Protein backbone atom coordinates (compact mmCIF):
# COMPACT_ATOMS: atom_id res chain seq x y z
CA MET A 1 136.26 -17.63 103.43
CA SER A 2 137.81 -16.98 106.86
CA PHE A 3 136.05 -17.46 110.06
CA LEU A 4 136.50 -13.80 110.96
CA LYS A 5 133.85 -13.12 107.57
CA LYS A 6 131.90 -16.59 108.66
CA ILE A 7 130.89 -14.82 111.39
CA ILE A 8 129.72 -11.36 110.30
CA PHE A 9 127.58 -13.50 107.29
CA THR A 10 125.79 -15.47 109.67
CA ILE A 11 125.13 -12.03 112.12
CA LEU A 12 123.58 -10.18 108.47
CA ILE A 13 121.32 -13.09 107.70
CA ILE A 14 120.12 -12.98 111.50
CA SER A 15 119.49 -9.46 111.44
CA ILE A 16 117.37 -10.20 107.55
CA ILE A 17 115.08 -12.83 109.30
CA ALA A 18 114.14 -10.50 111.90
CA SER A 19 114.06 -7.61 110.39
CA MET A 20 111.21 -10.23 107.96
CA THR A 21 109.65 -11.34 110.50
CA LEU A 22 108.84 -7.82 112.62
CA THR A 23 107.79 -6.62 109.03
CA PHE A 24 105.20 -9.28 108.49
CA THR A 25 103.64 -10.21 112.15
CA GLY A 26 104.50 -7.21 114.90
CA CYS A 27 103.32 -4.20 113.01
CA PRO A 28 99.97 -3.39 112.26
CA PRO A 29 98.46 -3.74 109.19
CA THR A 30 98.49 -0.70 106.22
CA GLU A 31 94.60 0.77 107.00
CA VAL A 32 92.77 -0.18 103.79
CA ILE A 33 89.28 2.56 102.95
CA GLU A 34 86.87 1.43 100.47
CA GLU A 35 85.42 3.55 98.56
CA THR A 36 82.00 3.84 98.69
CA THR A 37 78.92 4.35 96.28
CA PRO A 38 77.67 7.33 95.55
CA GLU A 39 74.13 6.35 96.86
CA GLU A 40 73.63 5.82 100.16
CA THR A 41 72.30 2.23 102.31
CA THR A 42 70.50 1.07 104.01
CA GLU A 43 70.49 -1.70 106.77
CA GLU A 44 69.48 -4.50 104.38
CA GLY A 45 72.07 -3.46 101.58
CA GLY A 46 69.84 -1.61 99.03
CA ALA A 47 70.39 2.04 97.48
CA GLN A 48 69.07 4.48 99.43
CA PRO A 49 66.63 7.04 96.96
CA THR A 50 69.10 10.19 96.08
CA GLY A 51 67.66 13.76 95.64
CA GLN A 52 65.24 16.19 97.47
CA ILE A 53 62.03 16.60 97.99
CA ALA A 54 59.96 20.19 97.51
CA PHE A 55 56.57 20.37 98.61
CA THR A 56 54.06 23.15 100.03
CA THR A 57 53.90 23.38 103.35
CA ASP A 58 51.12 25.99 105.71
CA ARG A 59 53.38 25.70 108.92
CA ASP A 60 54.25 29.12 109.42
CA GLY A 61 51.01 30.30 108.37
CA LYS A 62 50.99 30.55 104.52
CA TRP A 63 51.75 28.37 101.56
CA ASP A 64 55.05 28.41 101.10
CA ILE A 65 57.57 25.96 98.61
CA TYR A 66 60.20 23.72 101.47
CA VAL A 67 62.21 21.35 100.10
CA MET A 68 63.76 18.12 102.19
CA ASN A 69 66.01 14.87 102.08
CA ALA A 70 64.22 11.46 100.54
CA ASP A 71 63.77 11.02 104.23
CA GLY A 72 62.00 13.35 105.44
CA SER A 73 65.28 15.45 107.01
CA GLU A 74 66.40 18.99 106.52
CA GLN A 75 63.20 20.09 106.24
CA THR A 76 64.19 24.39 104.88
CA ARG A 77 61.66 26.53 103.79
CA LEU A 78 62.19 28.19 100.81
CA THR A 79 59.82 30.81 100.00
CA ASP A 80 59.12 33.60 102.22
CA ASP A 81 56.29 35.92 100.89
CA PRO A 82 53.66 37.68 102.55
CA GLN A 83 51.32 36.07 99.83
CA LYS A 84 50.76 32.98 98.59
CA ASP A 85 53.37 30.11 96.77
CA ALA A 86 52.61 26.33 95.88
CA TYR A 87 53.38 23.59 93.57
CA ALA A 88 56.53 23.94 92.70
CA ASP A 89 58.57 21.55 89.66
CA TRP A 90 62.29 21.22 89.58
CA SER A 91 64.41 21.59 85.98
CA PRO A 92 66.14 18.16 84.97
CA ASP A 93 68.64 19.37 86.03
CA GLY A 94 68.72 20.82 89.80
CA LYS A 95 69.40 24.07 89.84
CA LYS A 96 65.76 25.74 89.73
CA ILE A 97 61.94 25.18 91.21
CA THR A 98 59.36 26.86 89.04
CA PHE A 99 56.22 26.92 91.15
CA LYS A 100 53.09 29.25 91.26
CA SER A 101 52.30 31.93 93.09
CA TYR A 102 50.09 34.98 94.17
CA ARG A 103 51.50 37.79 95.58
CA ASP A 104 51.20 40.25 92.42
CA GLY A 105 47.22 39.70 92.94
CA ASN A 106 47.10 37.19 91.23
CA TRP A 107 48.47 33.25 90.36
CA GLU A 108 51.11 34.11 88.30
CA ILE A 109 54.58 31.68 87.24
CA TYR A 110 57.82 32.56 88.83
CA VAL A 111 60.93 30.60 88.69
CA MET A 112 64.12 30.24 91.61
CA ASN A 113 66.56 28.89 91.95
CA ALA A 114 67.12 25.80 94.28
CA ASP A 115 67.67 27.78 97.55
CA GLY A 116 65.44 30.13 97.21
CA SER A 117 67.37 33.14 95.99
CA GLU A 118 66.58 35.18 92.81
CA GLN A 119 62.10 34.21 92.11
CA ILE A 120 61.37 36.13 89.58
CA ASN A 121 57.71 36.13 87.78
CA LEU A 122 57.35 34.18 84.43
CA THR A 123 54.21 34.55 82.85
CA ASN A 124 53.21 38.43 83.90
CA ASN A 125 49.77 37.87 82.96
CA PRO A 126 45.91 39.16 84.54
CA ALA A 127 44.71 35.57 84.21
CA TYR A 128 45.24 32.26 86.36
CA ASP A 129 48.45 31.44 86.18
CA VAL A 130 49.27 27.51 87.62
CA PHE A 131 51.07 23.86 87.74
CA PRO A 132 54.10 24.57 86.09
CA ALA A 133 56.05 21.14 83.79
CA TRP A 134 59.49 21.44 82.98
CA SER A 135 60.06 19.51 79.84
CA PRO A 136 63.54 16.80 79.75
CA ASP A 137 65.42 18.82 78.30
CA GLY A 138 64.99 21.92 80.07
CA LYS A 139 64.02 24.56 77.83
CA LYS A 140 60.49 24.71 77.88
CA ILE A 141 57.70 24.83 81.35
CA ALA A 142 54.06 23.89 80.71
CA PHE A 143 51.32 25.27 82.94
CA VAL A 144 47.71 25.53 82.54
CA SER A 145 46.25 29.00 82.70
CA ASP A 146 42.87 30.40 81.54
CA ARG A 147 43.68 33.63 79.92
CA ASP A 148 41.80 32.42 76.13
CA GLY A 149 38.69 31.27 78.46
CA ASP A 150 38.56 28.26 80.46
CA ARG A 151 41.80 26.45 81.84
CA GLU A 152 44.42 25.35 78.92
CA ILE A 153 47.23 23.49 78.75
CA PHE A 154 50.39 26.43 77.91
CA VAL A 155 53.84 26.47 76.81
CA MET A 156 56.39 28.60 77.26
CA ASN A 157 60.60 29.34 77.14
CA VAL A 158 62.08 28.94 79.98
CA ASP A 159 62.23 32.66 80.11
CA GLY A 160 58.65 32.83 79.97
CA SER A 161 58.92 33.66 76.69
CA GLU A 162 57.09 33.00 73.65
CA GLN A 163 53.68 31.38 75.42
CA ILE A 164 51.14 29.30 73.56
CA ASN A 165 48.10 27.53 73.73
CA LEU A 166 49.11 24.01 73.51
CA THR A 167 44.95 22.02 73.83
CA ASN A 168 43.44 24.88 72.79
CA ASN A 169 39.13 23.25 74.04
CA PRO A 170 36.27 24.44 75.19
CA ALA A 171 36.77 21.65 78.71
CA TYR A 172 39.48 22.36 81.70
CA ASP A 173 42.90 20.30 80.62
CA LEU A 174 44.89 20.53 83.51
CA TYR A 175 48.16 19.19 85.55
CA PRO A 176 50.73 18.50 82.26
CA ASP A 177 53.52 17.34 83.05
CA TRP A 178 56.16 16.08 80.13
CA SER A 179 57.90 12.15 78.47
CA PRO A 180 60.46 11.73 79.82
CA ASP A 181 61.71 12.43 76.36
CA GLY A 182 59.65 15.51 76.03
CA LYS A 183 58.04 13.88 72.73
CA LYS A 184 54.56 13.53 74.29
CA ILE A 185 53.12 15.62 77.32
CA VAL A 186 50.35 13.53 79.57
CA PHE A 187 47.17 15.40 81.89
CA GLU A 188 43.85 15.69 82.76
CA SER A 189 40.93 17.18 81.44
CA TRP A 190 37.40 17.63 81.60
CA ARG A 191 36.30 17.20 77.58
CA ASP A 192 34.18 14.28 78.34
CA GLY A 193 32.94 15.54 80.89
CA ASN A 194 34.59 14.65 83.88
CA GLU A 195 37.98 14.11 84.70
CA GLU A 196 39.88 11.51 82.24
CA ILE A 197 43.86 11.59 81.83
CA TYR A 198 44.99 12.26 77.34
CA ILE A 199 47.75 12.71 75.94
CA MET A 200 48.97 14.57 73.75
CA SER A 201 52.43 15.01 71.61
CA ALA A 202 54.57 18.08 72.58
CA ASP A 203 52.77 20.28 70.01
CA GLY A 204 50.20 19.49 71.81
CA SER A 205 48.59 17.22 67.94
CA GLU A 206 47.26 13.79 68.02
CA PRO A 207 45.09 14.23 72.32
CA THR A 208 44.48 10.42 73.15
CA ARG A 209 42.01 9.07 76.34
CA LEU A 210 43.73 7.05 78.43
CA THR A 211 41.51 6.45 81.10
CA ASP A 212 38.06 5.38 80.86
CA ASN A 213 36.20 5.36 83.88
CA PRO A 214 32.78 7.39 85.14
CA LEU A 215 34.55 9.00 88.26
CA ILE A 216 37.65 10.59 89.07
CA ASP A 217 41.18 10.37 86.68
CA GLY A 218 43.80 12.64 86.95
CA LEU A 219 47.17 14.10 88.43
CA PRO A 220 48.93 12.43 86.18
CA GLU A 221 52.90 11.34 86.22
CA TRP A 222 55.56 9.94 84.20
CA SER A 223 57.61 7.40 85.11
CA PRO A 224 61.59 8.05 84.59
CA ASP A 225 61.69 5.08 82.65
CA GLY A 226 59.21 6.52 80.26
CA LYS A 227 56.59 3.32 80.89
CA LYS A 228 54.61 4.38 83.14
CA ILE A 229 52.68 7.16 84.93
CA THR A 230 51.20 7.61 88.05
CA PHE A 231 47.41 9.96 88.91
CA THR A 232 44.81 9.50 91.49
CA SER A 233 41.61 8.22 90.73
CA ASP A 234 38.59 7.90 93.12
CA ARG A 235 37.08 4.93 91.70
CA ASP A 236 37.69 2.49 94.94
CA GLY A 237 35.08 5.09 96.30
CA ASN A 238 38.12 7.16 97.99
CA HIS A 239 40.85 9.35 96.94
CA GLU A 240 44.26 6.78 95.51
CA ILE A 241 47.13 6.71 93.69
CA HIS A 242 46.71 4.07 90.45
CA VAL A 243 49.64 3.26 88.08
CA MET A 244 49.60 2.26 84.61
CA ASN A 245 51.06 1.95 81.32
CA VAL A 246 51.54 4.73 78.63
CA ASP A 247 48.87 3.29 76.57
CA GLY A 248 46.51 3.10 79.93
CA SER A 249 46.81 -0.45 80.77
CA GLU A 250 46.92 -2.26 83.51
CA GLN A 251 45.70 0.25 85.94
CA ILE A 252 46.08 -1.28 89.41
CA ASN A 253 45.67 0.60 92.68
CA LEU A 254 48.81 1.18 94.91
CA THR A 255 47.74 2.99 97.52
CA ASN A 256 44.70 0.97 99.15
CA ASN A 257 44.05 2.85 101.85
CA PRO A 258 41.17 4.66 102.83
CA ALA A 259 42.28 7.90 103.29
CA TYR A 260 42.76 10.44 100.74
CA ASP A 261 45.82 10.23 98.55
CA ARG A 262 47.39 12.28 96.07
CA PHE A 263 49.50 14.39 94.40
CA SER A 264 52.16 11.30 93.55
CA ASP A 265 55.73 11.42 91.85
CA TRP A 266 58.64 9.53 91.28
CA SER A 267 61.66 9.25 92.44
CA PRO A 268 64.82 10.12 90.44
CA ASP A 269 65.08 6.14 89.94
CA GLY A 270 62.36 5.14 89.62
CA LYS A 271 62.11 2.95 92.50
CA LYS A 272 59.77 5.14 94.80
CA ILE A 273 56.67 7.44 94.81
CA VAL A 274 55.26 10.22 96.63
CA PHE A 275 52.76 11.19 97.34
CA GLU A 276 50.20 13.52 100.00
CA SER A 277 48.47 11.62 102.28
CA ASP A 278 45.46 12.40 105.06
CA ARG A 279 45.77 9.30 106.37
CA ASP A 280 46.30 11.39 110.60
CA GLY A 281 44.35 13.29 110.25
CA LYS A 282 46.09 16.10 107.96
CA PHE A 283 48.58 15.92 104.77
CA GLU A 284 51.62 14.58 104.88
CA ILE A 285 54.28 14.11 102.77
CA TYR A 286 54.52 9.73 102.73
CA VAL A 287 56.71 7.90 100.43
CA MET A 288 56.23 4.63 99.40
CA ASN A 289 57.84 1.09 97.38
CA ALA A 290 57.23 2.07 92.91
CA ASP A 291 54.98 -0.93 93.91
CA GLY A 292 52.81 0.06 96.91
CA SER A 293 54.90 -1.30 99.92
CA GLU A 294 55.92 0.78 102.86
CA GLN A 295 53.93 3.03 102.68
CA ILE A 296 56.16 5.77 105.14
CA ASN A 297 55.19 9.16 107.07
CA LEU A 298 58.31 12.41 106.06
CA THR A 299 57.14 15.08 107.16
CA ASN A 300 55.28 14.24 110.56
CA ASN A 301 54.20 18.40 111.49
CA PRO A 302 51.16 19.44 112.98
CA ALA A 303 50.52 21.61 109.41
CA ASP A 304 49.53 20.28 106.84
CA ASP A 305 52.24 18.81 103.47
CA ARG A 306 51.08 18.82 100.03
CA HIS A 307 51.73 18.74 96.66
CA PRO A 308 55.69 16.96 96.81
CA THR A 309 57.87 16.34 93.47
CA TRP A 310 61.08 14.70 93.72
């Protein structure tokens, strides 16, 4: 190799080394954006419950349906009729809300889109039709009606057709809720002389008593995994949220508060329970862990906020 070629080769090697040094030490590293999960996380790293909560409030001078985020933010009015609208229930896909309304001069079951649009009367009956509950497959709505002389559990298609009496009992049967697999309905019944929790097949057969208490046991709600049922009981001297297994065993007081705690519902992941309480002097929507811990006021409004549904 000639002397000139050696010089050119040496300069080339030095240039390559300098370029590599600049690349690895002199330039800032490429920014890496970490993947995030769809669930919001807390500072402690736990997952926040997702989904919206619908509730009833009289903050506008009459009962209306509102929705809010699971942390209580963005409380938004959906109904605005001169008459009362109350007791909402979400469709399984989250696109619809059913509720009871007095806008036709009697209580009827209505349905609307999740943004409050297209409010439609489903029952169209002169009787008292209230407390709707959507089936897990989104094809049926259970509700309560007194059209046969006393309050019974009925079921209908989501378009309001084929309204059928399931309970056919001379006592009051109220507050239906479906099992997650759609095979059972839990409800409150007065057929034993006081309010008790019953369960039946979705066609109304095989009604079975779950609670046996001389005081009030009512307002049942099935957990998303199908293993638990929350309910309201005054067996401890005031209304409290209780939970039990689906066979009625292991009935436990969750709220343990001297106030009225009623109308529970589960978060979609089963980790939280929302309920109404008047412990702050008026009814507010509260949320707690499924074991009863960390009971937090979500609405913080001077009006009454009631009947939450997740």
